Amino acid sequence: MKRKIKDLVSDNIAFREDGKLQSLDVYAPLRVNMGIVIIAILMMAFGIVMLFSASMPKAYTSQGNSMYYVIHQGRFLLMGFGCAALITFLPIKKFDKWPITLIVYLMAVALAVLTRFMGRVINGSRRWIYIGGISIQPSEFIKIAIVFFIAGYRSFIQKMRKKGHFRTQNEQTQKTLDALLDITLPGIMVLICLVIVVLQPHMSCFLILCVISAVCFLCCGIPVRSWLRGGALLLVCCLIFGSVAYLLMDSSDKKKLEQNFSHVVTRLNIFATMKAEDEEEKKADEDEMYQSEQSIIAIGSGGITGVGFGNSRQKYMYLPEAHNDYVYSIICEELGFAGGLVVMLLFWGFAACGFIVSWQADSLFTRVLTAGYTTLITLQAFLNIGVAIGAIPPTGITLPFFSYGGTANFFFMIAVGMILSVSKTGRKRKTVKLVV
């Protein structure tokens, strides 16, 4: 009972001259950010409806059931929704423990290594593992884990420094130690995951991990001197390790490494060809251009209001991956510019609400966590949209909550749950003055 009263009443209490209570400040009640809740539910509902429309022809021809992809997606979304609801009502500080941070990081490395050596190759990339007959893409967990690791690591270092640890007598030695702890050590640990991911090869996931890692580090409030010293040390370590590893490789391994990144050149050629005005500048052939061209045709066919829900023509085997990487193209074809704009506004709204929660966070752990997860979901969304409209080279990135992908959407819901948990129990609480 005393603990509940302490959680409600602040230390600002005033008494009258006769000793009776005059006024006190009471904390505002703990509430989740309803903006994120509403937007997440809208995206889930809108996404499942559009997935049904986009996947129906492929599901019927390949699986014999037009609802196959919707049912599979729905199962993962429901599991993710249940986990997100559970996480929301858990105090976020329960996750701010160094053993949990270490376990999450080790799981990410283990899954990355497992995928590298035992994963199944699809479309030239080794990104999937099968557990109980279900395909799982570990890179989606790694995205969530990297943000959690950086938030937990920085929180642990901050706590240790408050206790007086990591202190030296010499000023220059102290600066070097701070740089090692702030940038070099966590940078190396993050790079271990990044290198394994890029060797799958999974360049799009690598780029996303780089961006969200940079955002998380920027939110940590690391001094400029640590950035400079730690960054220089990290660069030296990477150059030494990379040079030694490359020199120790035999010719066959070097050739395989070069082939791993051949698809990147192809995708850059596709983008360059789409922007080229002269025939001589076009580097990609018709087969390589097919998917990007069909995406533009689908978007252009929709006009302002679209051809009508369910009336897409491109989804009938004209546009490959219509239910996956290019579901946004089908949305624009069926619902037009208006439908595409609604999708973008939903993600802009999610970003605004997420960064507001991050701004109001009461600790380093909660601030980094919300900023990282908000960046992850919105960055991936706008990269997918950029590919669909031809603004950036093809990347193979899915649209959160809309594209088919059980693993990805499950972990996106976990990220939403963490943000909601911060909004409920990890924000600075306002006080209301009560006058007796």
Protein backbone atom coordinates (compact mmCIF):
# COMPACT_ATOMS: atom_id res chain seq x y z
CA MET A 1 0.00 0.00 0.00
CA LYS A 2 2.83 2.43 0.91
CA ARG A 3 4.55 1.67 -2.41
CA LYS A 4 1.37 2.47 -4.38
CA ILE A 5 1.01 5.80 -2.53
CA LYS A 6 4.66 6.63 -3.22
CA ASP A 7 4.10 5.96 -6.93
CA LEU A 8 1.21 8.44 -6.95
CA VAL A 9 2.51 11.29 -4.79
CA SER A 10 5.64 13.35 -5.51
CA ASP A 11 7.94 14.95 -2.92
CA ASN A 12 6.38 18.42 -3.37
CA ILE A 13 4.03 18.71 -0.35
CA ALA A 14 2.96 21.95 1.37
CA PHE A 15 1.53 22.34 4.91
CA ARG A 16 -0.41 25.11 6.60
CA GLU A 17 0.79 26.99 9.69
CA ASP A 18 -1.36 24.76 11.91
CA GLY A 19 0.43 21.69 10.50
CA LYS A 20 -2.43 20.48 8.33
CA LEU A 21 -1.90 19.47 4.73
CA GLN A 22 -2.42 22.37 2.30
CA SER A 23 -1.47 20.93 -1.10
CA LEU A 24 0.47 18.16 -2.76
CA ASP A 25 1.58 17.23 -6.24
CA VAL A 26 0.21 13.98 -7.62
CA TYR A 27 1.76 12.16 -10.56
CA ALA A 28 -0.38 11.81 -13.66
CA PRO A 29 -1.59 8.20 -14.19
CA LEU A 30 0.47 5.82 -16.30
CA ARG A 31 -1.00 5.49 -19.80
CA VAL A 32 0.21 4.03 -23.06
CA ASN A 33 0.58 6.27 -26.12
CA MET A 34 -2.80 5.79 -27.79
CA GLY A 35 -1.51 7.28 -31.04
CA ILE A 36 0.87 4.36 -31.51
CA VAL A 37 -1.82 1.85 -30.49
CA ILE A 38 -4.34 3.22 -33.00
CA ILE A 39 -1.81 3.52 -35.84
CA ALA A 40 -0.44 0.00 -35.23
CA ILE A 41 -3.94 -1.52 -35.27
CA LEU A 42 -4.86 0.44 -38.42
CA MET A 43 -1.71 -0.74 -40.20
CA MET A 44 -2.31 -4.35 -39.18
CA ALA A 45 -5.92 -4.27 -40.40
CA PHE A 46 -5.17 -2.33 -43.58
CA GLY A 47 -2.16 -4.52 -44.26
CA ILE A 48 -3.98 -7.84 -43.93
CA VAL A 49 -6.75 -6.63 -46.27
CA MET A 50 -4.29 -5.46 -48.92
CA LEU A 51 -2.22 -8.61 -48.54
CA PHE A 52 -5.31 -10.67 -49.32
CA SER A 53 -5.95 -8.66 -52.47
CA ALA A 54 -2.31 -8.76 -53.62
CA SER A 55 -1.65 -12.43 -52.80
CA MET A 56 -4.92 -14.04 -53.88
CA PRO A 57 -3.85 -15.07 -57.45
CA LYS A 58 -0.45 -16.41 -56.38
CA ALA A 59 -1.85 -18.19 -53.34
CA TYR A 60 -4.51 -19.91 -55.44
CA THR A 61 -2.13 -21.04 -58.20
CA SER A 62 0.78 -22.12 -55.96
CA GLN A 63 -1.02 -23.33 -52.83
CA GLY A 64 -4.56 -24.08 -54.02
CA ASN A 65 -5.99 -21.75 -51.38
CA SER A 66 -6.49 -18.04 -52.06
CA MET A 67 -6.33 -17.34 -48.30
CA TYR A 68 -3.03 -19.17 -47.72
CA TYR A 69 -0.76 -16.14 -47.28
CA VAL A 70 -3.37 -14.22 -45.27
CA ILE A 71 -3.86 -17.11 -42.83
CA HIS A 72 -0.10 -17.57 -42.40
CA GLN A 73 0.43 -13.85 -41.90
CA GLY A 74 -2.50 -13.62 -39.52
CA ARG A 75 -1.06 -16.28 -37.22
CA PHE A 76 2.23 -14.44 -36.81
CA LEU A 77 0.48 -11.09 -36.37
CA LEU A 78 -1.75 -12.52 -33.63
CA MET A 79 1.26 -14.03 -31.85
CA GLY A 80 3.10 -10.73 -32.20
CA PHE A 81 0.08 -8.78 -30.96
CA GLY A 82 -0.18 -11.03 -27.89
CA CYS A 83 3.53 -10.63 -27.10
CA ALA A 84 3.33 -6.85 -27.66
CA ALA A 85 0.35 -6.61 -25.27
CA LEU A 86 2.25 -8.59 -22.63
CA ILE A 87 5.40 -6.46 -23.01
CA THR A 88 3.33 -3.25 -22.84
CA PHE A 89 2.14 -4.01 -19.32
CA LEU A 90 5.57 -5.01 -18.03
CA PRO A 91 7.71 -2.23 -16.48
CA ILE A 92 10.37 -1.38 -19.07
CA LYS A 93 13.04 -1.22 -16.36
CA LYS A 94 12.73 -5.00 -15.92
CA PHE A 95 14.42 -5.34 -19.31
CA ASP A 96 17.29 -3.03 -18.34
CA LYS A 97 19.49 -5.81 -16.90
CA TRP A 98 22.95 -6.68 -18.20
CA PRO A 99 22.30 -10.48 -18.25
CA ILE A 100 19.28 -9.94 -20.54
CA THR A 101 21.34 -7.65 -22.79
CA LEU A 102 24.12 -10.25 -23.03
CA ILE A 103 21.68 -13.10 -23.76
CA VAL A 104 19.94 -11.12 -26.53
CA TYR A 105 23.28 -10.25 -28.12
CA LEU A 106 24.60 -13.84 -27.97
CA MET A 107 21.33 -15.12 -29.48
CA ALA A 108 21.71 -12.65 -32.36
CA VAL A 109 25.30 -13.78 -33.06
CA ALA A 110 24.36 -17.46 -32.75
CA LEU A 111 21.45 -17.12 -35.19
CA ALA A 112 23.60 -15.16 -37.64
CA VAL A 113 26.29 -17.86 -37.56
CA LEU A 114 23.68 -20.64 -37.83
CA THR A 115 22.15 -18.97 -40.88
CA ARG A 116 25.55 -18.44 -42.47
CA PHE A 117 26.49 -22.13 -42.32
CA MET A 118 23.16 -24.00 -42.16
CA GLY A 119 20.64 -21.61 -43.71
CA ARG A 120 18.65 -22.40 -46.81
CA VAL A 121 19.59 -20.63 -50.05
CA ILE A 122 16.69 -18.86 -51.83
CA ASN A 123 17.27 -16.51 -54.78
CA GLY A 124 21.02 -16.72 -54.29
CA SER A 125 20.99 -15.63 -50.62
CA ARG A 126 21.34 -17.75 -47.49
CA ARG A 127 18.89 -15.96 -45.21
CA TRP A 128 16.42 -18.56 -43.94
CA ILE A 129 16.47 -21.42 -41.46
CA TYR A 130 13.70 -23.98 -40.97
CA ILE A 131 12.41 -24.90 -37.51
CA GLY A 132 9.55 -27.39 -37.33
CA GLY A 133 8.76 -26.90 -41.00
CA ILE A 134 8.42 -23.12 -40.58
CA SER A 135 10.84 -20.80 -42.38
CA ILE A 136 12.35 -18.12 -40.15
CA GLN A 137 14.53 -15.19 -41.19
CA PRO A 138 16.95 -14.57 -38.28
CA SER A 139 18.01 -11.18 -39.67
CA GLU A 140 14.65 -9.78 -38.49
CA PHE A 141 15.49 -10.77 -34.92
CA ILE A 142 19.01 -9.34 -35.32
CA LYS A 143 17.53 -5.91 -36.16
CA ILE A 144 15.59 -5.94 -32.90
CA ALA A 145 18.51 -7.39 -30.94
CA ILE A 146 21.08 -4.80 -32.08
CA VAL A 147 18.94 -1.90 -30.87
CA PHE A 148 18.30 -3.68 -27.55
CA PHE A 149 22.01 -4.45 -27.16
CA ILE A 150 23.15 -0.85 -27.72
CA ALA A 151 20.50 0.49 -25.31
CA GLY A 152 21.37 -2.11 -22.65
CA TYR A 153 25.13 -1.72 -23.08
CA ARG A 154 25.07 2.08 -22.78
CA SER A 155 22.78 1.87 -19.75
CA PHE A 156 25.18 -0.61 -18.07
CA ILE A 157 28.21 1.63 -18.74
CA GLN A 158 26.34 4.65 -17.37
CA LYS A 159 25.41 2.79 -14.17
CA MET A 160 28.98 1.59 -13.65
CA ARG A 161 30.34 5.11 -14.06
CA LYS A 162 27.88 6.45 -11.50
CA LYS A 163 29.23 3.85 -9.07
CA GLY A 164 32.75 5.11 -9.64
CA HIS A 165 34.03 2.38 -11.94
CA PHE A 166 36.13 2.89 -15.10
CA ARG A 167 38.12 5.75 -13.54
CA THR A 168 41.84 6.37 -14.01
CA GLN A 169 44.30 8.87 -12.53
CA ASN A 170 45.79 9.99 -15.85
CA GLU A 171 43.65 12.32 -17.99
CA GLN A 172 44.82 10.98 -21.36
CA THR A 173 44.39 7.40 -20.22
CA GLN A 174 40.87 8.27 -19.05
CA LYS A 175 39.98 9.73 -22.45
CA THR A 176 41.29 6.64 -24.23
CA LEU A 177 39.39 4.32 -21.88
CA ASP A 178 36.20 6.34 -22.39
CA ALA A 179 36.64 6.11 -26.17
CA LEU A 180 37.14 2.35 -25.96
CA LEU A 181 34.03 1.86 -23.81
CA ASP A 182 31.84 4.37 -25.67
CA ILE A 183 32.62 3.56 -29.32
CA THR A 184 35.31 0.95 -30.00
CA LEU A 185 34.10 -2.01 -27.91
CA PRO A 186 30.36 -1.76 -28.74
CA GLY A 187 31.28 -0.94 -32.34
CA ILE A 188 33.27 -4.16 -32.66
CA MET A 189 30.44 -6.18 -31.11
CA VAL A 190 27.91 -4.69 -33.53
CA LEU A 191 30.27 -5.20 -36.49
CA ILE A 192 30.53 -8.92 -35.71
CA CYS A 193 26.81 -9.26 -36.47
CA LEU A 194 27.01 -6.94 -39.47
CA VAL A 195 29.85 -8.89 -41.11
CA ILE A 196 28.05 -12.21 -40.71
CA VAL A 197 24.85 -10.69 -42.15
CA VAL A 198 26.59 -9.15 -45.17
CA LEU A 199 28.27 -12.48 -45.96
CA GLN A 200 24.87 -14.24 -46.32
CA PRO A 201 24.68 -11.96 -48.44
CA HIS A 202 21.99 -9.62 -47.10
CA MET A 203 23.05 -6.11 -48.11
CA SER A 204 19.68 -4.44 -47.40
CA CYS A 205 19.67 -5.73 -43.80
CA PHE A 206 23.30 -4.63 -43.46
CA LEU A 207 22.43 -1.08 -44.51
CA ILE A 208 19.43 -0.92 -42.16
CA LEU A 209 21.55 -2.19 -39.27
CA CYS A 210 24.18 0.45 -40.00
CA VAL A 211 21.61 3.27 -39.94
CA ILE A 212 19.76 2.18 -36.80
CA SER A 213 23.07 1.54 -35.00
CA ALA A 214 24.23 5.06 -35.89
CA VAL A 215 20.92 6.53 -34.64
CA CYS A 216 21.20 4.60 -31.37
CA PHE A 217 24.78 5.78 -30.78
CA LEU A 218 23.79 9.37 -31.59
CA CYS A 219 21.02 9.21 -28.97
CA CYS A 220 23.50 8.14 -26.29
CA GLY A 221 25.01 11.59 -25.79
CA ILE A 222 28.57 10.36 -26.33
CA PRO A 223 31.21 13.17 -26.16
CA VAL A 224 32.83 14.28 -29.42
CA ARG A 225 36.30 13.28 -28.16
CA SER A 226 35.08 9.70 -27.67
CA TRP A 227 33.64 9.70 -31.19
CA LEU A 228 36.97 10.80 -32.65
CA ARG A 229 39.26 8.58 -30.61
CA GLY A 230 36.95 5.59 -30.50
CA GLY A 231 36.11 5.89 -34.20
CA ALA A 232 39.79 6.03 -35.13
CA LEU A 233 40.57 2.97 -33.00
CA LEU A 234 37.60 1.11 -34.49
CA LEU A 235 38.72 1.97 -38.03
CA VAL A 236 42.26 0.75 -37.31
CA CYS A 237 40.94 -2.53 -35.89
CA CYS A 238 38.71 -3.05 -38.95
CA LEU A 239 41.53 -2.34 -41.40
CA ILE A 240 43.95 -4.70 -39.64
CA PHE A 241 41.43 -7.52 -39.26
CA GLY A 242 40.04 -7.08 -42.79
CA SER A 243 43.50 -7.01 -44.37
CA VAL A 244 44.72 -10.08 -42.48
CA ALA A 245 41.52 -12.03 -43.26
CA TYR A 246 41.72 -11.18 -46.96
CA LEU A 247 45.40 -12.11 -47.21
CA LEU A 248 44.76 -15.47 -45.54
CA MET A 249 41.99 -16.35 -48.02
CA ASP A 250 42.80 -18.62 -50.94
CA SER A 251 41.80 -17.66 -54.48
CA SER A 252 38.56 -19.69 -54.45
CA ASP A 253 37.33 -17.97 -51.27
CA LYS A 254 38.17 -14.55 -52.71
CA LYS A 255 36.16 -15.39 -55.83
CA LYS A 256 33.17 -16.48 -53.73
CA LEU A 257 33.41 -13.23 -51.75
CA GLU A 258 33.32 -11.18 -54.94
CA GLN A 259 30.35 -13.19 -56.26
CA ASN A 260 28.51 -12.46 -53.01
CA PHE A 261 28.22 -8.81 -54.01
CA SER A 262 27.52 -9.24 -57.73
CA HIS A 263 23.79 -8.73 -57.09
CA VAL A 264 24.56 -5.26 -55.69
CA VAL A 265 26.11 -4.23 -59.03
CA THR A 266 23.07 -5.63 -60.86
CA ARG A 267 20.66 -3.61 -58.76
CA LEU A 268 22.68 -0.44 -59.22
CA ASN A 269 22.64 -1.07 -62.98
CA ILE A 270 18.85 -1.44 -62.86
CA PHE A 271 18.52 1.90 -61.09
CA ALA A 272 20.94 3.59 -63.49
CA THR A 273 19.05 2.19 -66.50
CA MET A 274 15.72 3.47 -65.15
CA LYS A 275 17.16 6.98 -64.93
CA ALA A 276 19.08 6.82 -68.23
CA GLU A 277 17.92 8.93 -71.18
CA ASP A 278 20.26 7.53 -73.84
CA GLU A 279 20.43 3.91 -74.92
CA GLU A 280 24.20 3.89 -74.39
CA GLU A 281 23.75 4.66 -70.68
CA LYS A 282 21.50 1.62 -70.10
CA LYS A 283 23.43 -1.18 -68.41
CA ALA A 284 20.68 -3.63 -67.41
CA ASP A 285 18.84 -5.95 -69.81
CA GLU A 286 15.06 -6.37 -70.11
CA ASP A 287 14.90 -9.36 -67.78
CA GLU A 288 16.68 -7.46 -65.02
CA MET A 289 14.46 -4.42 -65.55
CA TYR A 290 11.19 -6.36 -65.67
CA GLN A 291 10.19 -6.21 -62.00
CA SER A 292 10.97 -2.51 -61.56
CA GLU A 293 9.15 -1.61 -64.77
CA GLN A 294 6.05 -3.59 -63.76
CA SER A 295 6.03 -1.81 -60.41
CA ILE A 296 6.01 1.59 -62.10
CA ILE A 297 3.26 0.43 -64.47
CA ALA A 298 1.14 -0.68 -61.51
CA ILE A 299 1.55 2.65 -59.71
CA GLY A 300 0.91 4.63 -62.87
CA SER A 301 -2.24 2.62 -63.65
CA GLY A 302 -3.81 3.60 -60.35
CA GLY A 303 -4.01 7.32 -61.01
CA ILE A 304 -5.56 9.38 -58.22
CA THR A 305 -8.27 7.04 -56.94
CA GLY A 306 -7.12 3.66 -58.29
CA VAL A 307 -8.79 0.95 -60.36
CA GLY A 308 -10.75 -0.29 -57.36
CA PHE A 309 -10.05 -2.71 -54.53
CA GLY A 310 -9.36 -6.20 -55.87
CA ASN A 311 -9.18 -5.02 -59.48
CA SER A 312 -5.41 -4.95 -59.91
CA ARG A 313 -4.15 -6.45 -63.16
CA GLN A 314 -0.45 -6.50 -62.28
CA LYS A 315 -0.93 -8.99 -59.45
CA TYR A 316 -1.96 -11.66 -61.96
CA MET A 317 1.64 -12.84 -62.40
CA TYR A 318 2.75 -9.67 -64.20
CA LEU A 319 4.45 -8.24 -61.10
CA PRO A 320 6.63 -10.78 -59.25
CA GLU A 321 6.54 -10.53 -55.44
CA ALA A 322 3.30 -8.54 -55.60
CA HIS A 323 2.39 -9.81 -52.12
CA ASN A 324 5.85 -9.18 -50.70
CA ASP A 325 8.38 -6.51 -51.72
CA TYR A 326 5.99 -4.75 -54.11
CA VAL A 327 2.72 -4.77 -52.17
CA TYR A 328 2.85 -0.95 -52.12
CA SER A 329 2.63 -0.95 -55.93
CA ILE A 330 -0.60 -2.98 -55.73
CA ILE A 331 -1.99 -0.59 -53.10
CA CYS A 332 -1.32 2.33 -55.43
CA GLU A 333 -2.82 0.51 -58.39
CA GLU A 334 -6.04 -0.44 -56.59
CA LEU A 335 -6.47 2.59 -54.32
CA GLY A 336 -4.52 5.14 -56.33
CA PHE A 337 -2.41 8.03 -55.11
CA ALA A 338 -4.88 8.49 -52.24
CA GLY A 339 -4.28 4.98 -50.92
CA GLY A 340 -0.52 5.29 -51.25
CA LEU A 341 -0.61 8.63 -49.42
CA VAL A 342 -2.62 7.10 -46.56
CA VAL A 343 0.07 4.43 -46.11
CA MET A 344 2.81 7.06 -45.97
CA LEU A 345 0.83 9.21 -43.52
CA LEU A 346 0.38 6.19 -41.23
CA PHE A 347 4.13 5.67 -41.08
CA TRP A 348 4.80 9.40 -40.64
CA GLY A 349 2.31 9.39 -37.76
CA PHE A 350 3.99 6.36 -36.22
CA ALA A 351 7.38 8.09 -36.49
CA ALA A 352 6.05 11.27 -34.85
CA CYS A 353 4.48 9.38 -31.93
CA GLY A 354 7.54 7.16 -31.48
CA PHE A 355 10.01 10.05 -31.38
CA ILE A 356 7.77 11.96 -28.96
CA VAL A 357 7.94 8.96 -26.61
CA SER A 358 11.72 8.90 -27.05
CA TRP A 359 11.94 12.63 -26.28
CA GLN A 360 9.94 12.13 -23.06
CA ALA A 361 11.92 9.04 -21.95
CA ASP A 362 13.20 9.14 -18.38
CA SER A 363 16.44 7.17 -18.91
CA LEU A 364 19.17 6.49 -21.43
CA PHE A 365 17.95 2.93 -21.92
CA THR A 366 14.39 3.94 -22.78
CA ARG A 367 15.48 6.83 -25.01
CA VAL A 368 17.78 4.68 -27.15
CA LEU A 369 15.28 1.82 -27.29
CA THR A 370 12.37 3.91 -28.58
CA ALA A 371 14.49 5.95 -31.01
CA GLY A 372 16.03 2.77 -32.45
CA TYR A 373 12.77 0.86 -32.91
CA THR A 374 10.94 3.87 -34.32
CA THR A 375 13.76 4.42 -36.81
CA LEU A 376 13.80 0.74 -37.76
CA ILE A 377 10.11 0.53 -38.68
CA THR A 378 9.85 3.90 -40.46
CA LEU A 379 13.18 3.56 -42.28
CA GLN A 380 12.28 0.12 -43.60
CA ALA A 381 8.86 1.39 -44.69
CA PHE A 382 10.17 4.34 -46.68
CA LEU A 383 12.99 2.31 -48.22
CA ASN A 384 10.38 -0.15 -49.50
CA ILE A 385 8.24 2.68 -50.86
CA GLY A 386 11.33 4.23 -52.46
CA VAL A 387 12.07 0.97 -54.29
CA ALA A 388 8.46 0.63 -55.46
CA ILE A 389 8.36 4.11 -57.01
CA GLY A 390 11.87 3.77 -58.48
CA ALA A 391 13.47 6.43 -56.26
CA ILE A 392 16.21 4.09 -55.00
CA PRO A 393 17.77 0.85 -56.32
CA PRO A 394 15.91 -2.45 -55.62
CA THR A 395 16.81 -3.76 -52.16
CA GLY A 396 14.47 -6.61 -51.28
CA ILE A 397 13.11 -4.78 -48.22
CA THR A 398 9.55 -5.55 -47.08
CA LEU A 399 6.88 -3.03 -46.05
CA PRO A 400 6.18 -3.46 -42.30
CA PHE A 401 2.69 -4.79 -41.48
CA PHE A 402 1.75 -4.92 -45.19
CA SER A 403 4.21 -7.25 -46.96
CA TYR A 404 3.99 -11.00 -46.50
CA GLY A 405 6.53 -12.20 -43.95
CA GLY A 406 5.61 -13.85 -40.68
CA THR A 407 8.98 -13.48 -38.93
CA ALA A 408 9.40 -9.83 -39.87
CA ASN A 409 5.93 -8.77 -38.75
CA PHE A 410 6.18 -10.75 -35.52
CA PHE A 411 9.35 -8.89 -34.51
CA PHE A 412 7.91 -5.56 -35.68
CA MET A 413 5.11 -6.14 -33.18
CA ILE A 414 7.69 -6.90 -30.48
CA ALA A 415 9.31 -3.53 -31.28
CA VAL A 416 5.91 -1.80 -31.02
CA GLY A 417 5.35 -3.50 -27.65
CA MET A 418 8.68 -2.19 -26.35
CA ILE A 419 7.82 1.36 -27.46
CA LEU A 420 4.41 1.11 -25.75
CA SER A 421 6.03 -0.20 -22.58
CA VAL A 422 8.31 2.85 -22.55
CA SER A 423 5.32 5.14 -23.13
CA LYS A 424 3.56 3.59 -20.13
CA THR A 425 6.34 3.10 -17.57
CA GLY A 426 9.46 4.77 -18.95
CA ARG A 427 8.44 8.39 -19.54
CA LYS A 428 8.88 11.46 -17.36
CA ARG A 429 5.62 11.82 -15.48
CA LYS A 430 3.73 15.09 -15.24
CA THR A 431 2.40 16.23 -11.86
CA VAL A 432 -0.95 17.77 -10.93
CA LYS A 433 -1.28 20.04 -7.86
CA LEU A 434 -4.11 19.10 -5.52
CA VAL A 435 -5.28 21.73 -3.05
CA VAL A 436 -6.92 20.43 0.13
